[in-house]
């Protein structure tokens, strides 16, 4: 599974896949290196064999990669194949956020927790769900238990606290749907 995800992630970077491109990207591209170390951690955690013992060093390698890329992308987050990180600086993803396939995240994006107090006084923690083929622009913030529908685009600087229907464009603070029935905006769409 992790191998297929890595192939799709590489495809998003280069428009094609080869093991050499995967290695080249892991060495030369700081944002792609974070994706590779994340996938390796996920593969080690899911392994039942000796590879499982590599999880601790891989977690350290992932921590170093995220530090060098100035982003917080936890290896435990549920992230579909074909993730593309553009620039990456300041990216923050909550470990309980869910990200679909062929998603593009720009620098400064925050996918974060929002706490609510229910009618009975109980605290409820909510996390965003990003569906497939979503494009999230620079410095956009998506907080709480919202779903960003498939193929949607979240404009730079948008602050989204309400769910967004599929194939919509959202702009502003607070985020408002300004266009519906948008075409998806996914460069190098990975065949997943």
N, C-alpha and C. Protein backbone atom coordinates (compact mmCIF):
# COMPACT_ATOMS: atom_id res chain seq x y z
N UNK A 1 0.83 -1.19 0.00
CA UNK A 1 0.00 0.00 0.00
C UNK A 1 0.87 1.25 0.00
N UNK A 2 1.85 1.32 0.89
CA UNK A 2 2.72 2.49 0.95
C UNK A 2 3.51 2.66 -0.35
N UNK A 3 3.88 1.53 -0.98
CA UNK A 3 4.61 1.62 -2.24
C UNK A 3 3.74 2.27 -3.32
N UNK A 4 2.47 1.87 -3.39
CA UNK A 4 1.56 2.46 -4.36
C UNK A 4 1.35 3.96 -4.07
N UNK A 5 1.26 4.30 -2.80
CA UNK A 5 1.12 5.71 -2.42
C UNK A 5 2.35 6.51 -2.84
N UNK A 6 3.53 5.94 -2.61
CA UNK A 6 4.77 6.62 -3.02
C UNK A 6 4.86 6.78 -4.53
N UNK A 7 4.40 5.78 -5.26
CA UNK A 7 4.40 5.90 -6.72
C UNK A 7 3.49 7.05 -7.16
N UNK A 8 2.32 7.15 -6.54
CA UNK A 8 1.38 8.23 -6.88
C UNK A 8 1.95 9.59 -6.46
N UNK A 9 2.60 9.65 -5.30
CA UNK A 9 3.21 10.91 -4.84
C UNK A 9 4.30 11.36 -5.81
N UNK A 10 5.10 10.39 -6.28
CA UNK A 10 6.16 10.69 -7.25
C UNK A 10 5.55 11.16 -8.56
N UNK A 11 4.48 10.52 -8.98
CA UNK A 11 3.80 10.92 -10.22
C UNK A 11 3.34 12.37 -10.13
N UNK A 12 2.82 12.77 -8.97
CA UNK A 12 2.38 14.16 -8.80
C UNK A 12 3.55 15.14 -8.93
N UNK A 13 4.73 14.73 -8.50
CA UNK A 13 5.90 15.60 -8.59
C UNK A 13 6.43 15.75 -10.01
N UNK A 14 6.46 14.63 -10.74
CA UNK A 14 7.16 14.61 -12.03
C UNK A 14 6.29 14.31 -13.25
N UNK A 15 5.05 13.94 -13.05
CA UNK A 15 4.19 13.59 -14.18
C UNK A 15 4.42 12.18 -14.69
N UNK A 16 5.25 11.44 -14.00
CA UNK A 16 5.51 10.04 -14.33
C UNK A 16 6.20 9.41 -13.12
N UNK A 17 6.35 8.10 -13.11
CA UNK A 17 7.02 7.43 -12.00
C UNK A 17 8.18 6.60 -12.49
N UNK A 18 9.25 6.63 -11.73
CA UNK A 18 10.34 5.67 -11.84
C UNK A 18 11.03 5.64 -10.48
N UNK A 19 11.64 4.51 -10.13
CA UNK A 19 12.35 4.46 -8.85
C UNK A 19 13.45 5.53 -8.75
N UNK A 20 14.10 5.83 -9.89
CA UNK A 20 15.14 6.86 -9.87
C UNK A 20 14.56 8.24 -9.56
N UNK A 21 13.38 8.55 -10.08
CA UNK A 21 12.74 9.83 -9.77
C UNK A 21 12.36 9.90 -8.30
N UNK A 22 11.90 8.78 -7.75
CA UNK A 22 11.58 8.72 -6.32
C UNK A 22 12.81 9.04 -5.48
N UNK A 23 13.92 8.40 -5.79
CA UNK A 23 15.16 8.64 -5.04
C UNK A 23 15.65 10.07 -5.25
N UNK A 24 15.63 10.53 -6.50
CA UNK A 24 16.05 11.90 -6.79
C UNK A 24 15.22 12.91 -6.00
N UNK A 25 13.90 12.73 -6.00
CA UNK A 25 13.02 13.65 -5.27
C UNK A 25 13.27 13.62 -3.78
N UNK A 26 13.50 12.42 -3.23
CA UNK A 26 13.75 12.30 -1.80
C UNK A 26 15.04 13.00 -1.38
N UNK A 27 16.00 13.02 -2.29
CA UNK A 27 17.30 13.65 -1.97
C UNK A 27 17.27 15.15 -2.23
N UNK A 28 16.65 15.58 -3.33
CA UNK A 28 16.80 16.98 -3.76
C UNK A 28 15.63 17.90 -3.43
N UNK A 29 14.47 17.36 -3.11
CA UNK A 29 13.30 18.22 -2.86
C UNK A 29 12.85 18.09 -1.41
N UNK A 30 13.01 19.16 -0.66
CA UNK A 30 12.73 19.10 0.78
C UNK A 30 11.27 18.79 1.08
N UNK A 31 10.32 19.28 0.28
CA UNK A 31 8.91 18.99 0.55
C UNK A 31 8.57 17.54 0.18
N UNK A 32 9.17 17.04 -0.88
CA UNK A 32 8.92 15.66 -1.27
C UNK A 32 9.57 14.70 -0.28
N UNK A 33 10.72 15.07 0.26
CA UNK A 33 11.41 14.24 1.25
C UNK A 33 10.49 13.98 2.45
N UNK A 34 9.73 14.99 2.86
CA UNK A 34 8.79 14.83 3.97
C UNK A 34 7.72 13.79 3.64
N UNK A 35 7.23 13.82 2.41
CA UNK A 35 6.21 12.85 1.99
C UNK A 35 6.80 11.44 1.98
N UNK A 36 8.03 11.30 1.50
CA UNK A 36 8.68 9.99 1.44
C UNK A 36 8.90 9.44 2.85
N UNK A 37 9.43 10.25 3.76
CA UNK A 37 9.67 9.75 5.13
C UNK A 37 8.35 9.43 5.83
N UNK A 38 7.30 10.20 5.55
CA UNK A 38 5.98 9.90 6.11
C UNK A 38 5.50 8.53 5.64
N UNK A 39 5.61 8.28 4.33
CA UNK A 39 5.16 6.99 3.78
C UNK A 39 6.00 5.82 4.34
N UNK A 40 7.29 6.04 4.52
CA UNK A 40 8.14 4.99 5.09
C UNK A 40 7.74 4.68 6.52
N UNK A 41 7.43 5.71 7.31
CA UNK A 41 6.96 5.49 8.68
C UNK A 41 5.65 4.71 8.68
N UNK A 42 4.74 5.07 7.79
CA UNK A 42 3.46 4.37 7.71
C UNK A 42 3.66 2.90 7.32
N UNK A 43 4.57 2.66 6.39
CA UNK A 43 4.85 1.28 5.96
C UNK A 43 5.46 0.47 7.10
N UNK A 44 6.39 1.07 7.83
CA UNK A 44 7.02 0.37 8.95
C UNK A 44 6.01 0.07 10.05
N UNK A 45 5.13 1.02 10.34
CA UNK A 45 4.13 0.82 11.39
C UNK A 45 3.14 -0.28 11.01
N UNK A 46 2.84 -0.43 9.72
CA UNK A 46 1.89 -1.44 9.25
C UNK A 46 2.54 -2.81 9.06
N UNK A 47 3.86 -2.84 9.05
CA UNK A 47 4.58 -4.08 8.79
C UNK A 47 4.48 -5.04 9.98
N UNK A 48 4.48 -6.32 9.65
CA UNK A 48 4.47 -7.34 10.70
C UNK A 48 5.82 -8.03 10.80
N UNK A 49 6.72 -7.72 9.88
CA UNK A 49 8.02 -8.37 9.85
C UNK A 49 9.10 -7.54 10.51
N UNK A 50 10.33 -7.81 10.11
CA UNK A 50 11.49 -7.12 10.69
C UNK A 50 11.50 -5.63 10.35
N UNK A 51 10.86 -5.26 9.25
CA UNK A 51 10.81 -3.85 8.84
C UNK A 51 10.18 -2.98 9.93
N UNK A 52 9.33 -3.59 10.76
CA UNK A 52 8.68 -2.85 11.86
C UNK A 52 9.71 -2.25 12.81
N UNK A 53 10.84 -2.89 12.96
CA UNK A 53 11.87 -2.40 13.87
C UNK A 53 12.56 -1.14 13.36
N UNK A 54 12.32 -0.78 12.12
CA UNK A 54 12.90 0.45 11.58
C UNK A 54 12.03 1.68 11.89
N UNK A 55 10.87 1.47 12.52
CA UNK A 55 9.95 2.58 12.76
C UNK A 55 10.60 3.71 13.57
N UNK A 56 11.30 3.40 14.63
CA UNK A 56 11.89 4.45 15.47
C UNK A 56 12.91 5.29 14.68
N UNK A 57 13.88 4.68 13.99
CA UNK A 57 14.78 5.53 13.20
C UNK A 57 14.06 6.29 12.08
N UNK A 58 13.04 5.68 11.49
CA UNK A 58 12.30 6.37 10.43
C UNK A 58 11.52 7.56 11.00
N UNK A 59 10.98 7.41 12.19
CA UNK A 59 10.29 8.54 12.83
C UNK A 59 11.27 9.69 13.09
N UNK A 60 12.47 9.36 13.50
CA UNK A 60 13.50 10.40 13.69
C UNK A 60 13.86 11.06 12.36
N UNK A 61 13.98 10.27 11.32
CA UNK A 61 14.28 10.81 9.99
C UNK A 61 13.14 11.72 9.52
N UNK A 62 11.90 11.30 9.77
CA UNK A 62 10.75 12.13 9.40
C UNK A 62 10.75 13.44 10.19
N UNK A 63 11.06 13.36 11.46
CA UNK A 63 11.12 14.57 12.28
C UNK A 63 12.17 15.54 11.73
N UNK A 64 13.32 15.03 11.35
CA UNK A 64 14.38 15.86 10.76
C UNK A 64 13.92 16.46 9.44
N UNK A 65 13.26 15.65 8.60
CA UNK A 65 12.79 16.13 7.29
C UNK A 65 11.76 17.25 7.46
N UNK A 66 10.81 17.08 8.39
CA UNK A 66 9.81 18.12 8.60
C UNK A 66 10.44 19.38 9.19
N UNK A 67 11.43 19.22 10.05
CA UNK A 67 12.13 20.37 10.61
C UNK A 67 12.84 21.16 9.51
N UNK A 68 13.55 20.45 8.63
CA UNK A 68 14.26 21.11 7.54
C UNK A 68 13.32 21.78 6.55
N UNK A 69 12.12 21.25 6.41
CA UNK A 69 11.15 21.81 5.48
C UNK A 69 10.24 22.84 6.16
N UNK A 70 10.42 23.07 7.46
CA UNK A 70 9.64 24.03 8.24
C UNK A 70 8.15 23.77 8.13
N UNK A 71 7.78 22.52 8.38
CA UNK A 71 6.36 22.16 8.36
C UNK A 71 6.07 21.11 9.41
N UNK A 72 4.80 20.98 9.73
CA UNK A 72 4.34 19.98 10.69
C UNK A 72 3.37 19.06 9.97
N UNK A 73 3.87 17.95 9.47
CA UNK A 73 3.08 16.95 8.76
C UNK A 73 3.29 15.61 9.47
N UNK A 74 2.41 15.26 10.41
CA UNK A 74 2.60 14.04 11.19
C UNK A 74 2.49 12.78 10.34
N UNK A 75 3.32 11.81 10.63
CA UNK A 75 3.32 10.58 9.86
C UNK A 75 2.06 9.76 10.13
N UNK A 76 1.37 10.02 11.24
CA UNK A 76 0.16 9.26 11.56
C UNK A 76 -1.10 9.79 10.89
N UNK A 77 -1.02 10.95 10.26
CA UNK A 77 -2.20 11.51 9.60
C UNK A 77 -2.66 10.57 8.48
N UNK A 78 -3.96 10.51 8.25
CA UNK A 78 -4.51 9.68 7.18
C UNK A 78 -4.47 10.49 5.89
N UNK A 79 -3.55 10.14 5.01
CA UNK A 79 -3.33 10.91 3.79
C UNK A 79 -3.32 9.96 2.59
N UNK A 80 -4.18 10.24 1.63
CA UNK A 80 -4.29 9.41 0.44
C UNK A 80 -3.11 9.58 -0.50
N UNK A 81 -3.06 8.70 -1.47
CA UNK A 81 -1.98 8.70 -2.46
C UNK A 81 -2.03 9.95 -3.32
N UNK A 82 -0.89 10.37 -3.80
CA UNK A 82 -0.81 11.50 -4.72
C UNK A 82 -0.79 12.86 -4.02
N UNK A 83 -0.19 12.93 -2.84
CA UNK A 83 -0.09 14.21 -2.13
C UNK A 83 0.98 15.08 -2.78
N UNK A 84 0.64 16.35 -3.01
CA UNK A 84 1.61 17.31 -3.54
C UNK A 84 1.70 18.49 -2.57
N UNK A 85 2.90 18.76 -2.10
CA UNK A 85 3.16 19.90 -1.22
C UNK A 85 3.92 20.94 -2.02
N UNK A 86 3.33 22.12 -2.15
CA UNK A 86 3.96 23.18 -2.92
C UNK A 86 4.56 24.19 -1.96
N UNK A 87 5.83 24.37 -2.00
CA UNK A 87 6.62 25.23 -1.12
C UNK A 87 6.67 24.68 0.30
N UNK A 88 5.53 24.48 0.93
CA UNK A 88 5.48 23.79 2.22
C UNK A 88 5.75 24.61 3.46
N UNK A 89 6.51 25.68 3.38
CA UNK A 89 6.86 26.44 4.58
C UNK A 89 5.61 26.74 5.41
N UNK A 90 5.67 26.46 6.68
CA UNK A 90 4.59 26.81 7.59
C UNK A 90 3.36 25.92 7.52
N UNK A 91 3.40 24.85 6.77
CA UNK A 91 2.27 23.92 6.67
C UNK A 91 2.06 23.23 8.02
N UNK A 92 0.80 23.16 8.47
CA UNK A 92 0.47 22.48 9.73
C UNK A 92 -0.75 21.59 9.50
N UNK A 93 -0.58 20.31 9.76
CA UNK A 93 -1.68 19.35 9.62
C UNK A 93 -1.86 18.62 10.95
N UNK A 94 -3.08 18.65 11.47
CA UNK A 94 -3.36 17.93 12.71
C UNK A 94 -3.27 16.43 12.44
N UNK A 95 -2.72 15.65 13.39
CA UNK A 95 -2.58 14.21 13.17
C UNK A 95 -3.90 13.49 12.91
N UNK A 96 -5.02 14.07 13.33
CA UNK A 96 -6.32 13.43 13.14
C UNK A 96 -7.09 13.95 11.93
N UNK A 97 -6.48 14.84 11.19
CA UNK A 97 -7.10 15.29 9.94
C UNK A 97 -7.06 14.14 8.94
N UNK A 98 -7.97 14.16 7.99
CA UNK A 98 -8.01 13.15 6.94
C UNK A 98 -7.90 13.86 5.59
N UNK A 99 -6.96 13.39 4.77
CA UNK A 99 -6.71 14.00 3.47
C UNK A 99 -6.86 12.92 2.40
N UNK A 100 -7.63 13.21 1.37
CA UNK A 100 -7.89 12.26 0.29
C UNK A 100 -6.75 12.15 -0.71
N UNK A 101 -7.06 11.59 -1.87
CA UNK A 101 -6.07 11.35 -2.92
C UNK A 101 -5.94 12.56 -3.83
N UNK A 102 -4.74 12.74 -4.38
CA UNK A 102 -4.43 13.80 -5.34
C UNK A 102 -4.77 15.19 -4.80
N UNK A 103 -4.41 15.42 -3.55
CA UNK A 103 -4.64 16.71 -2.90
C UNK A 103 -3.37 17.55 -3.01
N UNK A 104 -3.55 18.86 -3.23
CA UNK A 104 -2.44 19.81 -3.30
C UNK A 104 -2.55 20.78 -2.13
N UNK A 105 -1.47 20.89 -1.35
CA UNK A 105 -1.42 21.81 -0.22
C UNK A 105 -0.27 22.79 -0.44
N UNK A 106 -0.57 24.08 -0.32
CA UNK A 106 0.45 25.12 -0.47
C UNK A 106 1.03 25.50 0.89
N UNK A 107 2.00 26.39 0.87
CA UNK A 107 2.66 26.84 2.09
C UNK A 107 1.67 27.56 3.01
N UNK A 108 1.90 27.42 4.31
CA UNK A 108 1.08 28.11 5.29
C UNK A 108 -0.29 27.52 5.53
N UNK A 109 -0.65 26.44 4.86
CA UNK A 109 -1.96 25.82 5.07
C UNK A 109 -2.03 25.23 6.47
N UNK A 110 -3.16 25.42 7.13
CA UNK A 110 -3.41 24.81 8.43
C UNK A 110 -4.68 23.99 8.35
N UNK A 111 -4.57 22.71 8.68
CA UNK A 111 -5.72 21.82 8.80
C UNK A 111 -5.79 21.45 10.28
N UNK A 112 -6.66 22.14 11.01
CA UNK A 112 -6.59 22.05 12.45
C UNK A 112 -7.85 21.66 13.18
N UNK A 113 -7.65 21.36 14.43
CA UNK A 113 -8.67 21.00 15.39
C UNK A 113 -9.51 22.21 15.76
N UNK A 114 -10.77 21.96 16.04
CA UNK A 114 -11.61 22.99 16.66
C UNK A 114 -12.42 22.30 17.75
N UNK A 115 -12.40 22.89 18.93
CA UNK A 115 -13.20 22.37 20.04
C UNK A 115 -14.51 23.12 20.10
N UNK A 116 -15.57 22.38 20.40
CA UNK A 116 -16.89 22.97 20.60
C UNK A 116 -17.42 22.47 21.94
N UNK A 117 -18.23 23.29 22.56
CA UNK A 117 -18.90 22.88 23.78
C UNK A 117 -20.34 22.53 23.40
N UNK A 118 -20.70 21.27 23.65
CA UNK A 118 -22.04 20.80 23.32
C UNK A 118 -23.09 21.33 24.27
N UNK A 119 -24.37 21.09 23.96
CA UNK A 119 -25.47 21.58 24.79
C UNK A 119 -25.42 21.07 26.24
N UNK A 120 -24.82 19.89 26.40
CA UNK A 120 -24.71 19.34 27.75
C UNK A 120 -23.43 19.77 28.46
N UNK A 121 -22.67 20.68 27.85
CA UNK A 121 -21.44 21.18 28.46
C UNK A 121 -20.22 20.33 28.17
N UNK A 122 -20.38 19.28 27.39
CA UNK A 122 -19.27 18.39 27.06
C UNK A 122 -18.44 18.97 25.91
N UNK A 123 -17.12 18.87 26.02
CA UNK A 123 -16.21 19.36 24.98
C UNK A 123 -16.12 18.33 23.86
N UNK A 124 -16.27 18.81 22.62
CA UNK A 124 -16.17 17.94 21.45
C UNK A 124 -15.04 18.46 20.56
N UNK A 125 -14.10 17.59 20.24
CA UNK A 125 -13.00 17.95 19.35
C UNK A 125 -13.33 17.46 17.95
N UNK A 126 -13.14 18.34 16.96
CA UNK A 126 -13.47 18.02 15.57
C UNK A 126 -12.28 18.29 14.67
N UNK A 127 -12.16 17.49 13.61
CA UNK A 127 -11.03 17.56 12.70
C UNK A 127 -11.52 17.60 11.25
N UNK A 128 -10.80 18.29 10.38
CA UNK A 128 -11.25 18.40 8.99
C UNK A 128 -11.04 17.12 8.18
N UNK A 129 -11.91 16.98 7.17
CA UNK A 129 -11.79 15.90 6.18
C UNK A 129 -11.68 16.59 4.82
N UNK A 130 -10.59 16.30 4.13
CA UNK A 130 -10.35 16.85 2.79
C UNK A 130 -10.54 15.70 1.81
N UNK A 131 -11.53 15.83 0.94
CA UNK A 131 -11.79 14.75 -0.02
C UNK A 131 -10.80 14.79 -1.19
N UNK A 132 -10.95 13.88 -2.13
CA UNK A 132 -10.02 13.73 -3.26
C UNK A 132 -9.99 14.97 -4.15
N UNK A 133 -8.81 15.19 -4.74
CA UNK A 133 -8.58 16.18 -5.80
C UNK A 133 -8.89 17.62 -5.37
N UNK A 134 -8.61 17.92 -4.11
CA UNK A 134 -8.82 19.27 -3.57
C UNK A 134 -7.53 20.05 -3.67
N UNK A 135 -7.65 21.34 -3.98
CA UNK A 135 -6.51 22.27 -4.08
C UNK A 135 -6.70 23.30 -2.97
N UNK A 136 -5.69 23.43 -2.09
CA UNK A 136 -5.78 24.38 -0.98
C UNK A 136 -4.63 25.37 -1.10
N UNK A 137 -4.99 26.64 -1.30
CA UNK A 137 -4.02 27.69 -1.57
C UNK A 137 -3.24 28.17 -0.36
N UNK A 138 -2.26 29.05 -0.59
CA UNK A 138 -1.37 29.52 0.46
C UNK A 138 -2.12 30.16 1.63
N UNK A 139 -1.68 29.81 2.83
CA UNK A 139 -2.16 30.39 4.09
C UNK A 139 -3.64 30.18 4.35
N UNK A 140 -4.26 29.22 3.70
CA UNK A 140 -5.66 28.89 3.99
C UNK A 140 -5.73 28.14 5.31
N UNK A 141 -6.80 28.37 6.06
CA UNK A 141 -7.02 27.70 7.33
C UNK A 141 -8.35 26.97 7.25
N UNK A 142 -8.30 25.68 7.56
CA UNK A 142 -9.51 24.87 7.61
C UNK A 142 -9.54 24.25 9.00
N UNK A 143 -10.55 24.64 9.78
CA UNK A 143 -10.58 24.23 11.18
C UNK A 143 -11.89 23.54 11.52
N UNK A 144 -11.78 22.48 12.28
CA UNK A 144 -12.96 21.81 12.82
C UNK A 144 -13.44 20.66 11.98
N UNK A 145 -14.61 20.16 12.37
CA UNK A 145 -15.19 18.99 11.73
C UNK A 145 -15.90 19.31 10.44
N UNK A 146 -15.17 19.87 9.50
CA UNK A 146 -15.74 20.23 8.21
C UNK A 146 -15.25 19.26 7.15
N UNK A 147 -16.04 19.13 6.10
CA UNK A 147 -15.64 18.32 4.95
C UNK A 147 -15.50 19.24 3.75
N UNK A 148 -14.33 19.16 3.11
CA UNK A 148 -14.10 19.91 1.88
C UNK A 148 -14.36 18.93 0.74
N UNK A 149 -15.42 19.18 -0.02
CA UNK A 149 -15.88 18.26 -1.06
C UNK A 149 -14.88 18.06 -2.18
N UNK A 150 -14.99 16.92 -2.80
CA UNK A 150 -14.11 16.51 -3.89
C UNK A 150 -14.00 17.59 -4.97
N UNK A 151 -12.77 17.80 -5.43
CA UNK A 151 -12.52 18.71 -6.54
C UNK A 151 -12.65 20.18 -6.20
N UNK A 152 -12.80 20.52 -4.94
CA UNK A 152 -12.96 21.93 -4.55
C UNK A 152 -11.63 22.64 -4.52
N UNK A 153 -11.70 23.98 -4.60
CA UNK A 153 -10.52 24.82 -4.49
C UNK A 153 -10.74 25.81 -3.35
N UNK A 154 -9.78 25.86 -2.45
CA UNK A 154 -9.83 26.80 -1.33
C UNK A 154 -8.77 27.86 -1.61
N UNK A 155 -9.21 29.08 -1.81
CA UNK A 155 -8.31 30.17 -2.18
C UNK A 155 -7.34 30.53 -1.07
N UNK A 156 -6.25 31.16 -1.45
CA UNK A 156 -5.24 31.61 -0.50
C UNK A 156 -5.85 32.53 0.55
N UNK A 157 -5.49 32.29 1.81
CA UNK A 157 -5.95 33.13 2.90
C UNK A 157 -7.36 32.86 3.37
N UNK A 158 -8.05 31.92 2.78
CA UNK A 158 -9.43 31.62 3.19
C UNK A 158 -9.43 31.01 4.59
N UNK A 159 -10.47 31.32 5.35
CA UNK A 159 -10.67 30.76 6.68
C UNK A 159 -11.97 29.99 6.65
N UNK A 160 -11.87 28.66 6.64
CA UNK A 160 -13.03 27.80 6.40
C UNK A 160 -13.40 27.06 7.68
N UNK A 161 -14.64 27.28 8.15
CA UNK A 161 -15.14 26.59 9.34
C UNK A 161 -16.48 25.90 9.06
N UNK A 162 -16.91 25.91 7.81
CA UNK A 162 -18.15 25.23 7.39
C UNK A 162 -17.82 24.29 6.23
N UNK A 163 -18.55 23.21 6.14
CA UNK A 163 -18.32 22.24 5.06
C UNK A 163 -18.54 22.89 3.69
N UNK A 164 -17.81 22.37 2.70
CA UNK A 164 -17.84 22.91 1.34
C UNK A 164 -18.33 21.81 0.40
N UNK A 165 -19.33 22.11 -0.44
CA UNK A 165 -19.82 21.09 -1.39
C UNK A 165 -18.75 20.75 -2.43
N UNK A 166 -18.86 19.58 -3.06
CA UNK A 166 -17.91 19.20 -4.10
C UNK A 166 -17.85 20.22 -5.23
N UNK A 167 -16.67 20.32 -5.83
CA UNK A 167 -16.41 21.15 -7.01
C UNK A 167 -16.79 22.62 -6.80
N UNK A 168 -16.43 23.14 -5.64
CA UNK A 168 -16.72 24.53 -5.30
C UNK A 168 -15.42 25.31 -5.15
N UNK A 169 -15.53 26.64 -5.29
CA UNK A 169 -14.41 27.52 -5.03
C UNK A 169 -14.77 28.38 -3.82
N UNK A 170 -13.85 28.44 -2.85
CA UNK A 170 -14.08 29.19 -1.62
C UNK A 170 -13.02 30.27 -1.50
N UNK A 171 -13.46 31.48 -1.17
CA UNK A 171 -12.56 32.61 -0.95
C UNK A 171 -12.98 33.34 0.32
N UNK A 172 -12.04 34.04 0.93
CA UNK A 172 -12.34 34.99 1.99
C UNK A 172 -12.27 34.49 3.41
N UNK A 173 -12.47 35.47 4.31
CA UNK A 173 -12.48 35.24 5.75
C UNK A 173 -13.70 35.95 6.32
N UNK A 174 -14.74 35.25 6.66
CA UNK A 174 -14.89 33.79 6.63
C UNK A 174 -15.04 33.26 5.20
N UNK A 175 -14.67 32.00 5.02
CA UNK A 175 -14.74 31.39 3.70
C UNK A 175 -16.16 31.32 3.17
N UNK A 176 -16.32 31.74 1.91
CA UNK A 176 -17.62 31.75 1.25
C UNK A 176 -17.47 31.06 -0.11
N UNK A 177 -18.44 30.22 -0.45
CA UNK A 177 -18.44 29.59 -1.77
C UNK A 177 -18.78 30.67 -2.79
N UNK A 178 -17.84 30.93 -3.72
CA UNK A 178 -18.04 31.97 -4.73
C UNK A 178 -18.33 31.38 -6.11
N UNK A 179 -18.11 30.07 -6.26
CA UNK A 179 -18.37 29.44 -7.54
C UNK A 179 -18.65 27.96 -7.30
N UNK A 180 -19.58 27.43 -8.08
CA UNK A 180 -19.90 25.99 -8.00
C UNK A 180 -19.61 25.35 -9.35
N UNK A 181 -19.56 24.04 -9.35
CA UNK A 181 -19.31 23.26 -10.57
C UNK A 181 -17.96 23.61 -11.20
N UNK A 182 -16.94 23.77 -10.38
CA UNK A 182 -15.59 24.07 -10.86
C UNK A 182 -14.94 22.82 -11.43
N UNK A 183 -14.08 23.02 -12.39
CA UNK A 183 -13.23 21.92 -12.87
C UNK A 183 -12.14 21.69 -11.83
N UNK A 184 -11.71 20.44 -11.69
CA UNK A 184 -10.65 20.17 -10.72
C UNK A 184 -9.36 20.82 -11.18
N UNK A 185 -8.50 21.17 -10.22
CA UNK A 185 -7.22 21.82 -10.51
C UNK A 185 -6.11 20.97 -9.91
N UNK A 186 -5.80 19.88 -10.59
CA UNK A 186 -4.78 18.95 -10.10
C UNK A 186 -3.74 18.76 -11.18
N UNK A 187 -2.55 19.30 -10.93
CA UNK A 187 -1.44 19.11 -11.86
C UNK A 187 -0.89 17.70 -11.69
N UNK A 188 -0.63 17.02 -12.79
CA UNK A 188 -0.10 15.64 -12.78
C UNK A 188 -1.00 14.71 -11.96
N UNK A 189 -2.25 14.65 -12.29
CA UNK A 189 -3.21 13.80 -11.60
C UNK A 189 -2.72 12.36 -11.63
N UNK A 190 -2.45 11.80 -10.44
CA UNK A 190 -1.93 10.44 -10.35
C UNK A 190 -3.05 9.44 -10.57
N UNK A 191 -2.80 8.41 -11.35
CA UNK A 191 -3.84 7.39 -11.60
C UNK A 191 -3.98 6.44 -10.41
N UNK A 192 -4.77 6.84 -9.44
CA UNK A 192 -4.97 6.02 -8.23
C UNK A 192 -6.40 5.55 -8.12
